[in-house]
C-alpha atoms as a PDB file:
ATOM      1  CA  MET A   1      16.183 100.072  48.743  1.00  0.00           C
ATOM      2  CA  GLU A   2      13.524  97.388  49.246  1.00  0.00           C
ATOM      3  CA  LEU A   3      14.491  93.721  49.587  1.00  0.00           C
ATOM      4  CA  HIS A   4      12.946  92.757  46.270  1.00  0.00           C
ATOM      5  CA  GLU A   5      14.970  95.486  44.539  1.00  0.00           C
ATOM      6  CA  MET A   6      18.357  94.146  45.701  1.00  0.00           C
ATOM      7  CA  ASP A   7      20.610  91.964  43.601  1.00  0.00           C
ATOM      8  CA  ASN A   8      21.754  88.691  45.157  1.00  0.00           C
ATOM      9  CA  GLU A   9      25.119  90.029  46.308  1.00  0.00           C
ATOM     10  CA  THR A  10      23.565  92.997  48.105  1.00  0.00           C
ATOM     11  CA  LEU A  11      20.863  90.837  49.645  1.00  0.00           C
ATOM     12  CA  ASP A  12      23.481  88.323  50.793  1.00  0.00           C
ATOM     13  CA  ASN A  13      25.400  91.059  52.615  1.00  0.00           C
ATOM     14  CA  HIS A  14      22.261  92.377  54.277  1.00  0.00           C
ATOM     15  CA  LEU A  15      21.259  88.896  55.411  1.00  0.00           C
ATOM     16  CA  ARG A  16      24.751  88.270  56.765  1.00  0.00           C
ATOM     17  CA  LEU A  17      24.442  91.299  59.051  1.00  0.00           C
ATOM     18  CA  PHE A  18      20.843  90.488  59.902  1.00  0.00           C
ATOM     19  CA  TYR A  19      21.599  86.935  61.065  1.00  0.00           C
ATOM     20  CA  ALA A  20      24.531  88.139  63.154  1.00  0.00           C
ATOM     21  CA  GLU A  21      22.660  90.921  64.931  1.00  0.00           C
ATOM     22  CA  VAL A  22      18.949  90.080  65.038  1.00  0.00           C
ATOM     23  CA  LYS A  23      17.344  89.823  68.506  1.00  0.00           C
ATOM     24  CA  ASN A  24      13.788  89.631  69.771  1.00  0.00           C
ATOM     25  CA  GLN A  25      12.089  92.477  71.619  1.00  0.00           C
ATOM     26  CA  ASP A  26      13.563  91.260  74.914  1.00  0.00           C
ATOM     27  CA  GLY A  27      17.078  91.399  73.503  1.00  0.00           C
ATOM     28  CA  ASP A  28      17.444  87.619  73.338  1.00  0.00           C
ATOM     29  CA  ASP A  29      18.387  85.385  70.423  1.00  0.00           C
ATOM     30  CA  TYR A  30      15.672  83.869  68.284  1.00  0.00           C
ATOM     31  CA  SER A  31      15.305  80.088  68.218  1.00  0.00           C
ATOM     32  CA  LYS A  32      16.562  77.904  65.397  1.00  0.00           C
ATOM     33  CA  SER A  33      13.079  77.369  63.998  1.00  0.00           C
ATOM     34  CA  THR A  34      12.370  81.102  64.020  1.00  0.00           C
ATOM     35  CA  LEU A  35      15.574  81.963  62.165  1.00  0.00           C
ATOM     36  CA  LEU A  36      14.987  79.280  59.560  1.00  0.00           C
ATOM     37  CA  GLY A  37      11.377  80.398  59.326  1.00  0.00           C
ATOM     38  CA  LEU A  38      12.488  83.954  58.626  1.00  0.00           C
ATOM     39  CA  ARG A  39      14.673  82.745  55.771  1.00  0.00           C
ATOM     40  CA  TYR A  40      11.867  80.617  54.408  1.00  0.00           C
ATOM     41  CA  GLY A  41       9.433  83.516  54.691  1.00  0.00           C
ATOM     42  CA  LEU A  42      11.823  85.802  52.830  1.00  0.00           C
ATOM     43  CA  GLU A  43      12.078  83.273  50.002  1.00  0.00           C
ATOM     44  CA  GLY A  44       8.293  83.151  49.845  1.00  0.00           C
ATOM     45  CA  TYR A  45       8.086  86.943  49.712  1.00  0.00           C
ATOM     46  CA  LEU A  46      10.673  87.258  46.938  1.00  0.00           C
ATOM     47  CA  ASN A  47       9.134  84.432  44.916  1.00  0.00           C
ATOM     48  CA  SER A  48       5.535  85.581  45.304  1.00  0.00           C
ATOM     49  CA  PRO A  49       3.623  86.498  42.124  1.00  0.00           C
ATOM     50  CA  THR A  50       4.186  90.176  42.935  1.00  0.00           C
ATOM     51  CA  HIS A  51       7.986  89.925  42.704  1.00  0.00           C
ATOM     52  CA  ASN A  52       8.623  86.527  41.062  1.00  0.00           C
ATOM     53  CA  LYS A  53      12.386  86.602  41.691  1.00  0.00           C
ATOM     54  CA  GLY A  54      12.863  82.827  41.464  1.00  0.00           C
ATOM     55  CA  ILE A  55      15.395  82.868  44.323  1.00  0.00           C
ATOM     56  CA  THR A  56      16.518  79.974  46.501  1.00  0.00           C
ATOM     57  CA  ILE A  57      18.575  81.169  49.460  1.00  0.00           C
ATOM     58  CA  SER A  58      19.294  77.874  51.198  1.00  0.00           C
ATOM     59  CA  GLY A  59      22.289  76.105  49.647  1.00  0.00           C
ATOM     60  CA  ASN A  60      22.713  78.787  47.002  1.00  0.00           C
ATOM     61  CA  PRO A  61      26.424  79.709  46.454  1.00  0.00           C
ATOM     62  CA  GLU A  62      25.340  83.292  45.793  1.00  0.00           C
ATOM     63  CA  PHE A  63      24.210  83.494  49.425  1.00  0.00           C
ATOM     64  CA  LYS A  64      27.240  81.721  50.865  1.00  0.00           C
ATOM     65  CA  LYS A  65      28.236  84.562  53.229  1.00  0.00           C
ATOM     66  CA  SER A  66      24.843  84.837  54.893  1.00  0.00           C
ATOM     67  CA  ASN A  67      24.360  81.066  55.078  1.00  0.00           C
ATOM     68  CA  VAL A  68      27.765  80.655  56.739  1.00  0.00           C
ATOM     69  CA  VAL A  69      26.794  83.243  59.368  1.00  0.00           C
ATOM     70  CA  LEU A  70      23.393  81.615  59.885  1.00  0.00           C
ATOM     71  CA  ASN A  71      24.981  78.190  60.261  1.00  0.00           C
ATOM     72  CA  ALA A  72      27.444  79.553  62.826  1.00  0.00           C
ATOM     73  CA  LYS A  73      24.579  81.224  64.698  1.00  0.00           C
ATOM     74  CA  LEU A  74      22.607  77.987  64.849  1.00  0.00           C
ATOM     75  CA  LYS A  75      25.642  76.064  66.135  1.00  0.00           C
ATOM     76  CA  SER A  76      26.173  78.725  68.782  1.00  0.00           C
ATOM     77  CA  LEU A  77      22.547  78.446  69.885  1.00  0.00           C
ATOM     78  CA  LYS A  78      22.851  74.677  70.215  1.00  0.00           C
ATOM     79  CA  GLN A  79      26.095  74.867  72.176  1.00  0.00           C
ATOM     80  CA  GLY A  80      24.535  77.432  74.492  1.00  0.00           C
ATOM     81  CA  GLY A  81      21.396  75.365  75.011  1.00  0.00           C
ATOM     82  CA  LYS A  82      19.259  78.010  73.311  1.00  0.00           C
ATOM     83  CA  GLU A  83      18.352  76.132  70.156  1.00  0.00           C
ATOM     84  CA  ASN A  84      14.691  75.901  71.134  1.00  0.00           C
ATOM     85  CA  VAL A  85      14.431  79.031  73.268  1.00  0.00           C
ATOM     86  CA  GLY A  86      10.968  80.522  73.355  1.00  0.00           C
ATOM     87  CA  LEU A  87       9.241  77.504  71.842  1.00  0.00           C
ATOM     88  CA  GLN A  88       5.907  76.727  73.446  1.00  0.00           C
ATOM     89  CA  HIS A  89       3.876  74.774  70.928  1.00  0.00           C
ATOM     90  CA  LYS A  90       4.341  72.659  67.848  1.00  0.00           C
ATOM     91  CA  PRO A  91       2.969  73.941  64.540  1.00  0.00           C
ATOM     92  CA  PRO A  92      -0.736  73.085  64.279  1.00  0.00           C
ATOM     93  CA  LEU A  93      -1.974  70.392  61.910  1.00  0.00           C
ATOM     94  CA  GLU A  94      -4.368  71.889  59.390  1.00  0.00           C
ATOM     95  CA  PRO A  95      -7.899  70.355  59.403  1.00  0.00           C
ATOM     96  CA  GLU A  96      -7.589  69.589  55.679  1.00  0.00           C
ATOM     97  CA  ASP A  97      -4.388  67.617  56.237  1.00  0.00           C
ATOM     98  CA  LEU A  98      -5.934  65.748  59.147  1.00  0.00           C
ATOM     99  CA  GLN A  99      -8.909  64.782  56.995  1.00  0.00           C
ATOM    100  CA  LYS A 100      -6.581  63.515  54.267  1.00  0.00           C
ATOM    101  CA  LEU A 101      -4.817  61.296  56.784  1.00  0.00           C
ATOM    102  CA  LYS A 102      -8.085  59.931  58.126  1.00  0.00           C
ATOM    103  CA  THR A 103      -9.381  59.037  54.666  1.00  0.00           C
ATOM    104  CA  SER A 104      -6.094  57.654  53.331  1.00  0.00           C
ATOM    105  CA  GLY A 105      -6.488  54.230  54.929  1.00  0.00           C
ATOM    106  CA  VAL A 106      -3.399  54.437  57.143  1.00  0.00           C
ATOM    107  CA  PHE A 107      -5.617  54.611  60.237  1.00  0.00           C
ATOM    108  CA  ASP A 108      -7.896  51.756  59.201  1.00  0.00           C
ATOM    109  CA  CYS A 109      -8.848  49.879  62.356  1.00  0.00           C
ATOM    110  CA  SER A 110      -9.519  46.592  60.569  1.00  0.00           C
ATOM    111  CA  SER A 111      -5.889  45.476  60.976  1.00  0.00           C
ATOM    112  CA  PRO A 112      -3.462  45.508  63.936  1.00  0.00           C
ATOM    113  CA  LEU A 113      -1.041  47.821  62.114  1.00  0.00           C
ATOM    114  CA  GLY A 114      -3.697  50.348  61.105  1.00  0.00           C
ATOM    115  CA  PHE A 115      -5.109  50.153  64.610  1.00  0.00           C
ATOM    116  CA  LEU A 116      -1.677  50.900  66.073  1.00  0.00           C
ATOM    117  CA  ARG A 117      -1.155  53.851  63.729  1.00  0.00           C
ATOM    118  CA  ASN A 118      -4.546  55.287  64.620  1.00  0.00           C
ATOM    119  CA  VAL A 119      -3.960  55.130  68.361  1.00  0.00           C
ATOM    120  CA  TRP A 120      -0.367  56.342  68.132  1.00  0.00           C
ATOM    121  CA  PHE A 121      -1.391  59.357  66.055  1.00  0.00           C
ATOM    122  CA  SER A 122      -4.308  60.289  68.317  1.00  0.00           C
ATOM    123  CA  THR A 123      -2.168  59.911  71.427  1.00  0.00           C
ATOM    124  CA  VAL A 124       0.592  62.130  70.075  1.00  0.00           C
ATOM    125  CA  LEU A 125      -1.898  64.657  68.700  1.00  0.00           C
ATOM    126  CA  PHE A 126      -3.839  65.079  71.938  1.00  0.00           C
ATOM    127  CA  TRP A 127      -1.314  64.473  74.702  1.00  0.00           C
ATOM    128  CA  CYS A 128       2.300  63.560  73.997  1.00  0.00           C
ATOM    129  CA  ARG A 129       4.809  66.275  73.215  1.00  0.00           C
ATOM    130  CA  ARG A 130       7.840  64.622  74.782  1.00  0.00           C
ATOM    131  CA  GLY A 131       8.798  62.455  71.820  1.00  0.00           C
ATOM    132  CA  ARG A 132       9.814  58.830  72.202  1.00  0.00           C
ATOM    133  CA  GLU A 133      10.741  59.237  75.855  1.00  0.00           C
ATOM    134  CA  GLY A 134       7.178  60.058  76.883  1.00  0.00           C
ATOM    135  CA  GLN A 135       5.554  57.579  74.512  1.00  0.00           C
ATOM    136  CA  ARG A 136       7.547  54.626  75.813  1.00  0.00           C
ATOM    137  CA  ASN A 137       6.386  55.372  79.333  1.00  0.00           C
ATOM    138  CA  LEU A 138       2.741  54.944  78.354  1.00  0.00           C
ATOM    139  CA  THR A 139       0.779  51.866  79.437  1.00  0.00           C
ATOM    140  CA  ARG A 140      -2.823  50.746  79.171  1.00  0.00           C
ATOM    141  CA  GLU A 141      -3.286  52.340  82.601  1.00  0.00           C
ATOM    142  CA  SER A 142      -2.232  55.754  81.284  1.00  0.00           C
ATOM    143  CA  PHE A 143      -5.783  56.543  80.168  1.00  0.00           C
ATOM    144  CA  VAL A 144      -9.189  56.858  81.744  1.00  0.00           C
ATOM    145  CA  PHE A 145     -12.542  57.024  79.999  1.00  0.00           C
ATOM    146  CA  GLY A 146     -15.225  59.320  81.288  1.00  0.00           C
ATOM    147  CA  GLN A 147     -18.365  61.271  80.562  1.00  0.00           C
ATOM    148  CA  ASP A 148     -18.772  65.018  80.841  1.00  0.00           C
ATOM    149  CA  PRO A 149     -21.872  66.756  82.321  1.00  0.00           C
ATOM    150  CA  THR A 150     -23.524  66.824  78.882  1.00  0.00           C
ATOM    151  CA  GLY A 151     -23.183  63.061  78.490  1.00  0.00           C
ATOM    152  CA  GLU A 152     -20.370  63.170  75.944  1.00  0.00           C
ATOM    153  CA  GLU A 153     -17.855  60.319  76.176  1.00  0.00           C
ATOM    154  CA  TYR A 154     -14.162  61.184  76.311  1.00  0.00           C
ATOM    155  CA  ALA A 155     -10.703  59.786  77.063  1.00  0.00           C
ATOM    156  CA  THR A 156      -7.956  61.560  78.962  1.00  0.00           C
ATOM    157  CA  MET A 157      -4.605  60.779  80.529  1.00  0.00           C
ATOM    158  CA  THR A 158      -4.182  59.765  84.134  1.00  0.00           C
ATOM    159  CA  HIS A 159      -0.994  61.871  84.255  1.00  0.00           C
ATOM    160  CA  SER A 160       0.568  64.554  82.108  1.00  0.00           C
ATOM    161  CA  GLU A 161       3.062  63.605  79.402  1.00  0.00           C
ATOM    162  CA  ALA A 162       2.668  66.923  77.663  1.00  0.00           C
ATOM    163  CA  SER A 163       5.789  68.887  78.498  1.00  0.00           C
ATOM    164  CA  LYS A 164       9.369  68.525  79.647  1.00  0.00           C
ATOM    165  CA  ASN A 165       8.891  71.764  81.560  1.00  0.00           C
ATOM    166  CA  HIS A 166       6.133  70.167  83.626  1.00  0.00           C
ATOM    167  CA  PRO A 167       7.000  66.479  84.040  1.00  0.00           C
ATOM    168  CA  GLY A 168       4.400  65.805  86.707  1.00  0.00           C
ATOM    169  CA  GLY A 169       4.675  64.868  90.354  1.00  0.00           C
ATOM    170  CA  ILE A 170       3.230  66.290  93.543  1.00  0.00           C
ATOM    171  CA  LYS A 171       4.869  69.695  93.282  1.00  0.00           C
ATOM    172  CA  ASP A 172       4.072  70.156  89.602  1.00  0.00           C
ATOM    173  CA  SER A 173       0.473  71.325  89.789  1.00  0.00           C
ATOM    174  CA  GLU A 174       0.598  72.997  86.378  1.00  0.00           C
ATOM    175  CA  SER A 175       0.929  69.629  84.669  1.00  0.00           C
ATOM    176  CA  PHE A 176      -2.659  68.866  85.583  1.00  0.00           C
ATOM    177  CA  GLN A 177      -4.267  72.183  84.698  1.00  0.00           C
ATOM    178  CA  HIS A 178      -4.722  71.570  80.990  1.00  0.00           C
ATOM    179  CA  ILE A 179      -5.258  67.835  80.569  1.00  0.00           C
ATOM    180  CA  GLY A 180      -6.663  67.281  77.081  1.00  0.00           C
ATOM    181  CA  ARG A 181      -9.786  65.318  76.384  1.00  0.00           C
ATOM    182  CA  MET A 182     -10.315  63.265  73.252  1.00  0.00           C
ATOM    183  CA  TYR A 183     -14.059  63.109  72.666  1.00  0.00           C
ATOM    184  CA  GLN A 184     -15.946  60.371  70.902  1.00  0.00           C
ATOM    185  CA  LYS A 185     -16.994  61.368  67.396  1.00  0.00           C
ATOM    186  CA  ASN A 186     -19.515  59.854  65.055  1.00  0.00           C
ATOM    187  CA  GLU A 187     -17.017  59.155  62.294  1.00  0.00           C
ATOM    188  CA  GLU A 188     -15.100  56.246  60.823  1.00  0.00           C
ATOM    189  CA  ASN A 189     -11.895  55.289  62.646  1.00  0.00           C
ATOM    190  CA  ASP A 190     -12.760  57.638  65.510  1.00  0.00           C
ATOM    191  CA  GLY A 191      -9.751  58.135  67.798  1.00  0.00           C
ATOM    192  CA  TYR A 192     -11.699  57.659  71.039  1.00  0.00           C
ATOM    193  CA  SER A 193     -13.345  54.414  69.935  1.00  0.00           C
ATOM    194  CA  ALA A 194     -10.076  53.167  68.465  1.00  0.00           C
ATOM    195  CA  LEU A 195      -8.190  53.762  71.720  1.00  0.00           C
ATOM    196  CA  LYS A 196     -10.817  51.991  73.790  1.00  0.00           C
ATOM    197  CA  LEU A 197     -10.911  48.918  71.553  1.00  0.00           C
ATOM    198  CA  TYR A 198      -7.140  48.957  71.019  1.00  0.00           C
ATOM    199  CA  ILE A 199      -6.496  48.648  74.750  1.00  0.00           C
ATOM    200  CA  SER A 200      -8.765  45.596  74.858  1.00  0.00           C
ATOM    201  CA  LYS A 201      -6.713  43.969  72.081  1.00  0.00           C
ATOM    202  CA  LEU A 202      -3.308  44.495  73.718  1.00  0.00           C
ATOM    203  CA  ASN A 203      -1.218  41.571  74.896  1.00  0.00           C
ATOM    204  CA  PRO A 204      -1.908  41.278  78.651  1.00  0.00           C
ATOM    205  CA  ALA A 205       1.643  40.029  79.292  1.00  0.00           C
ATOM    206  CA  CYS A 206       3.100  43.361  78.146  1.00  0.00           C
ATOM    207  CA  GLU A 207       2.521  46.607  80.048  1.00  0.00           C
ATOM    208  CA  ALA A 208       3.495  48.958  77.201  1.00  0.00           C
ATOM    209  CA  LEU A 209       0.790  50.777  75.294  1.00  0.00           C
ATOM    210  CA  PHE A 210       2.564  50.408  71.963  1.00  0.00           C
ATOM    211  CA  GLN A 211       3.224  46.760  71.100  1.00  0.00           C
ATOM    212  CA  TYR A 212       4.317  44.965  67.947  1.00  0.00           C
ATOM    213  CA  PRO A 213       1.365  43.913  65.750  1.00  0.00           C
ATOM    214  CA  LYS A 214       0.975  40.182  65.219  1.00  0.00           C
ATOM    215  CA  ARG A 215       1.820  38.959  61.739  1.00  0.00           C
ATOM    216  CA  ASN A 216      -0.583  36.058  61.976  1.00  0.00           C
ATOM    217  CA  TRP A 217      -3.907  37.079  63.423  1.00  0.00           C
ATOM    218  CA  LYS A 218      -7.651  36.782  63.012  1.00  0.00           C
ATOM    219  CA  PRO A 219     -10.247  39.516  63.583  1.00  0.00           C
ATOM    220  CA  ASP A 220     -11.848  37.535  66.401  1.00  0.00           C
ATOM    221  CA  ASP A 221      -8.539  36.943  68.253  1.00  0.00           C
ATOM    222  CA  LYS A 222      -8.518  38.292  71.798  1.00  0.00           C
ATOM    223  CA  THR A 223      -5.073  39.819  71.313  1.00  0.00           C
ATOM    224  CA  TRP A 224      -3.730  41.418  68.154  1.00  0.00           C
ATOM    225  CA  TYR A 225      -0.285  42.256  69.506  1.00  0.00           C
ATOM    226  CA  GLU A 226       2.860  40.481  70.630  1.00  0.00           C
ATOM    227  CA  ASN A 227       4.383  40.436  74.092  1.00  0.00           C
ATOM    228  CA  ARG A 228       6.952  42.928  72.866  1.00  0.00           C
ATOM    229  CA  THR A 229       7.300  46.690  73.318  1.00  0.00           C
ATOM    230  CA  LEU A 230       7.462  48.671  70.110  1.00  0.00           C
END
């Protein structure tokens, strides 16, 4: 019997066994995101125009047995330190979504807050994957600006903040093998140009890259930010 042919009770029982026993090709447990993604994908399959089942599995009392098993599996993964096993990269941001963000006004560089948002987003997008820990370690000295052999201007990090698995240091050569470059683009609120100007507007008394925007400011002020780490 195919999945879309099962009633909810039968499907619930099958999912209960699936969550309890499923392994990857190496015989290891799947990560939390993969297991939740499988459930989400199944919902999409069953609710597609072809089958149109109108089923919601998450939080549905009719799928209580399988959800209880899945919840127990996720707790077990966390307790065993395997919650994020196998994860290498974050889901990519679609170009259409990125364009929407850029044209929404949230990255407008005409104000200290928009300026901060622009630089924070570009920094996280190109380099930081360590969350708040890595971001708070950033300073104005964390970046260098250069020019490639073709004459294109770019910014890059002076050290890697990209991964907990490769935190940097003398013995961690892999941290420096894939340092990202953010190139200058001929577009409004360009990330490269924003970063370069943003650094010049930082409060010199504060080393942190991310500082609180001033509430009272003028466009021609030398500093747009307070002597306070965000």
